[in-house]
């Protein structure tokens, strides 16, 4: 398993408190999520029981290398997930 994949899994499998202890910022979580959306396999694009921080996708042009859907099962998002200018 490549190092980038291991790092993403570590970020997503941690609670927010664990992420903070390990030094992962909200920006790290968002970057890992974008990496999965853009390059992840079908399996990698399924998130279950993950707590995400507030995400900011204002003006983001996000395209994946494949057309697999991104699935969020029992996930929570801190703040608000924004995808349009306010």
Protein backbone atom coordinates (compact mmCIF):
# COMPACT_ATOMS: atom_id res chain seq x y z
CA UNK A 1 0.00 0.00 0.00
CA UNK A 2 1.54 3.35 -1.03
CA UNK A 3 2.45 5.84 1.70
CA UNK A 4 -0.16 8.36 0.47
CA UNK A 5 -2.93 5.77 0.82
CA UNK A 6 -1.76 4.82 4.32
CA UNK A 7 -1.69 8.50 5.34
CA UNK A 8 -5.22 9.09 3.99
CA UNK A 9 -6.53 6.06 5.83
CA UNK A 10 -4.85 7.24 9.03
CA UNK A 11 -6.47 10.66 8.68
CA UNK A 12 -9.97 9.30 7.99
CA UNK A 13 -9.83 6.58 10.64
CA UNK A 14 -8.97 9.04 13.44
CA UNK A 15 -11.42 10.93 15.57
CA UNK A 16 -11.05 14.72 15.47
CA UNK A 17 -9.27 14.55 18.84
CA UNK A 18 -6.84 11.89 17.56
CA UNK A 19 -6.13 13.94 14.44
CA UNK A 20 -5.29 16.94 16.58
CA UNK A 21 -2.94 14.86 18.77
CA UNK A 22 -1.22 13.50 15.65
CA UNK A 23 -0.84 16.95 14.15
CA UNK A 24 -3.35 16.66 11.28
CA UNK A 25 -5.08 19.95 10.52
CA UNK A 26 -8.48 20.55 8.90
CA UNK A 27 -6.56 21.48 5.75
CA UNK A 28 -4.87 18.04 5.83
CA UNK A 29 -8.27 16.33 6.04
CA UNK A 30 -9.68 18.41 3.19
CA UNK A 31 -6.60 17.76 1.03
CA UNK A 32 -6.87 14.01 1.68
CA UNK A 33 -10.58 14.07 0.78
CA UNK A 34 -9.88 15.94 -2.46
CA UNK A 35 -7.14 13.46 -3.30
CA UNK A 36 -9.58 10.56 -2.89
CA UNK A 37 -12.26 12.33 -4.94
CA UNK A 38 -9.79 13.05 -7.74
CA UNK A 39 -7.81 9.79 -7.78
CA UNK A 40 -9.46 7.23 -5.50
CA UNK A 41 -10.79 3.83 -6.44
CA UNK A 42 -14.43 2.81 -6.02
CA UNK A 43 -13.60 1.35 -2.59
CA UNK A 44 -11.63 4.39 -1.43
CA UNK A 45 -14.57 6.68 -2.29
CA UNK A 46 -16.83 5.08 0.32
CA UNK A 47 -16.56 6.82 3.70
CA UNK A 48 -18.24 5.24 6.70
CA UNK A 49 -18.49 6.78 10.19
CA UNK A 50 -15.98 9.53 9.43
CA UNK A 51 -16.16 12.88 11.20
CA UNK A 52 -15.03 15.63 8.86
CA UNK A 53 -14.16 19.18 9.89
CA UNK A 54 -15.80 22.14 8.17
CA UNK A 55 -15.00 21.87 4.47
CA UNK A 56 -14.63 24.82 2.14
CA UNK A 57 -14.96 24.12 -1.58
CA UNK A 58 -15.67 27.69 -2.66
CA UNK A 59 -14.59 28.13 -6.27
CA UNK A 60 -13.09 24.61 -6.34
CA UNK A 61 -13.11 22.81 -9.67
CA UNK A 62 -13.12 19.17 -8.62
CA UNK A 63 -12.89 16.40 -11.21
CA UNK A 64 -12.15 12.76 -10.68
CA UNK A 65 -10.05 10.47 -12.83
CA UNK A 66 -13.02 8.11 -12.81
CA UNK A 67 -16.77 8.45 -12.41
CA UNK A 68 -17.18 6.44 -9.21
CA UNK A 69 -19.56 8.19 -6.81
CA UNK A 70 -18.34 9.47 -3.47
CA UNK A 71 -20.44 7.89 -0.72
CA UNK A 72 -20.74 9.23 2.83
CA UNK A 73 -22.35 6.67 5.19
CA UNK A 74 -23.07 7.82 8.74
CA UNK A 75 -20.56 10.66 8.36
CA UNK A 76 -20.72 13.96 10.18
CA UNK A 77 -19.43 17.31 9.04
CA UNK A 78 -18.31 20.11 11.34
CA UNK A 79 -19.58 23.59 10.64
CA UNK A 80 -21.05 23.71 7.19
CA UNK A 81 -19.86 22.15 3.96
CA UNK A 82 -19.83 25.04 1.50
CA UNK A 83 -19.71 24.64 -2.22
CA UNK A 84 -21.12 27.95 -3.42
CA UNK A 85 -20.15 31.53 -2.69
CA UNK A 86 -22.17 33.18 0.07
